[in-house]
Amino acid sequence: MVEIEVVYAAEDRQVLVAVAVASGTSLRAAVLASGIAREFPGVELADCPLGIFGKVVADPDAQTVMAGDRIEIYRPLLADPKEVRRLRAAKAALAKRQNT
């Protein structure tokens, strides 16, 4: 058995679950076995991107867990950060032009 942690952060709360899974378990299977879905019933764990300690894993169905892993479940972005930054810069530039 391998001891791991599964983490999910919603807008209003965070949950960290410690769980023991069999050696050779995939990241996705470990997340499903953790029972974290009961805490967040609206989250589609079969489709969410997963990562280990802040690094996205390309194929969580193929990668196996290692002892001490903290598997993070990522939420989809509501807005593209680059687009938000671009709009903010354009707004600041317009305000600067109007003030001069």
Protein backbone atom coordinates (compact mmCIF):
# COMPACT_ATOMS: atom_id res chain seq x y z
CA MET A 1 0.00 0.00 0.00
CA VAL A 2 1.10 3.56 -0.78
CA GLU A 3 0.12 6.59 1.34
CA ILE A 4 -0.91 9.65 -0.72
CA GLU A 5 -2.98 12.82 -0.37
CA VAL A 6 -5.72 14.07 -2.68
CA VAL A 7 -6.51 17.80 -2.68
CA TYR A 8 -9.33 19.86 -4.18
CA ALA A 9 -10.02 23.55 -3.65
CA ALA A 10 -13.42 24.97 -4.54
CA GLU A 11 -14.21 28.68 -4.43
CA ASP A 12 -15.43 28.45 -0.85
CA ARG A 13 -13.42 25.63 0.76
CA GLN A 14 -10.54 23.20 0.44
CA VAL A 15 -10.40 19.51 1.24
CA LEU A 16 -7.32 17.32 1.71
CA VAL A 17 -7.86 13.58 2.03
CA ALA A 18 -5.14 11.14 3.07
CA VAL A 19 -5.64 7.71 1.53
CA ALA A 20 -3.74 4.45 1.09
CA VAL A 21 -3.94 2.81 -2.33
CA ALA A 22 -2.31 -0.24 -3.85
CA SER A 23 1.07 0.22 -5.46
CA GLY A 24 0.64 0.66 -9.22
CA THR A 25 -2.66 2.55 -8.93
CA SER A 26 -3.11 5.30 -11.53
CA LEU A 27 -3.56 8.90 -10.40
CA ARG A 28 -7.13 8.99 -11.70
CA ALA A 29 -8.02 5.72 -9.93
CA ALA A 30 -6.48 7.02 -6.70
CA VAL A 31 -8.57 10.20 -6.89
CA LEU A 32 -11.73 8.19 -7.48
CA ALA A 33 -10.85 5.83 -4.60
CA SER A 34 -10.23 8.75 -2.22
CA GLY A 35 -13.95 9.46 -1.85
CA ILE A 36 -13.42 13.19 -2.42
CA ALA A 37 -16.33 13.10 -4.89
CA ARG A 38 -18.72 12.88 -1.91
CA GLU A 39 -17.46 16.29 -0.73
CA PHE A 40 -17.91 17.91 -4.18
CA PRO A 41 -20.74 16.11 -6.00
CA GLY A 42 -20.78 18.55 -8.95
CA VAL A 43 -17.16 17.94 -9.94
CA GLU A 44 -16.53 15.54 -12.82
CA LEU A 45 -13.43 13.75 -11.51
CA ALA A 46 -13.21 11.57 -14.62
CA ASP A 47 -12.44 14.66 -16.75
CA CYS A 48 -10.57 17.07 -14.43
CA PRO A 49 -6.90 17.73 -15.05
CA LEU A 50 -4.66 16.37 -12.30
CA GLY A 51 -1.24 17.30 -11.02
CA ILE A 52 1.34 16.34 -8.43
CA PHE A 53 2.71 19.13 -6.23
CA GLY A 54 1.72 21.87 -8.70
CA LYS A 55 2.87 20.16 -11.90
CA VAL A 56 0.18 19.07 -14.36
CA VAL A 57 0.34 15.40 -15.33
CA ALA A 58 -0.19 14.79 -19.04
CA ASP A 59 -1.82 11.35 -18.71
CA PRO A 60 -3.21 10.78 -15.20
CA ASP A 61 -4.83 7.52 -16.32
CA ALA A 62 -1.42 6.02 -17.16
CA GLN A 63 0.85 7.52 -14.48
CA THR A 64 1.02 5.59 -11.23
CA VAL A 65 1.16 7.03 -7.72
CA MET A 66 4.29 7.12 -5.60
CA ALA A 67 4.46 7.21 -1.81
CA GLY A 68 3.95 10.73 -0.48
CA ASP A 69 2.37 12.14 -3.67
CA ARG A 70 -0.08 15.01 -3.24
CA ILE A 71 -2.50 14.68 -6.15
CA GLU A 72 -4.17 17.98 -6.96
CA ILE A 73 -7.47 18.21 -8.81
CA TYR A 74 -7.61 21.33 -10.97
CA ARG A 75 -10.74 23.33 -11.75
CA PRO A 76 -11.28 24.80 -15.21
CA LEU A 77 -10.41 28.49 -15.54
CA LEU A 78 -13.39 30.82 -15.69
CA ALA A 79 -11.44 33.36 -17.75
CA ASP A 80 -8.23 33.21 -19.73
CA PRO A 81 -5.60 35.04 -17.63
CA LYS A 82 -3.86 36.43 -20.72
CA GLU A 83 -7.10 37.90 -22.02
CA VAL A 84 -7.94 39.44 -18.62
CA ARG A 85 -4.46 41.01 -18.45
CA ARG A 86 -4.79 42.36 -22.00
CA LEU A 87 -8.17 43.95 -21.24
CA ARG A 88 -6.87 45.48 -18.00
CA ALA A 89 -3.87 46.99 -19.83
CA ALA A 90 -6.11 48.40 -22.56
CA LYS A 91 -8.41 49.93 -19.93
CA ALA A 92 -5.43 51.50 -18.09
CA ALA A 93 -4.05 52.90 -21.36
CA LEU A 94 -7.41 54.43 -22.25
CA ALA A 95 -7.73 56.01 -18.80
CA LYS A 96 -4.22 57.42 -19.08
CA ARG A 97 -5.01 58.99 -22.47
CA GLN A 98 -8.22 60.54 -21.14
CA ASN A 99 -6.43 62.08 -18.16
CA THR A 100 -3.77 63.83 -20.25
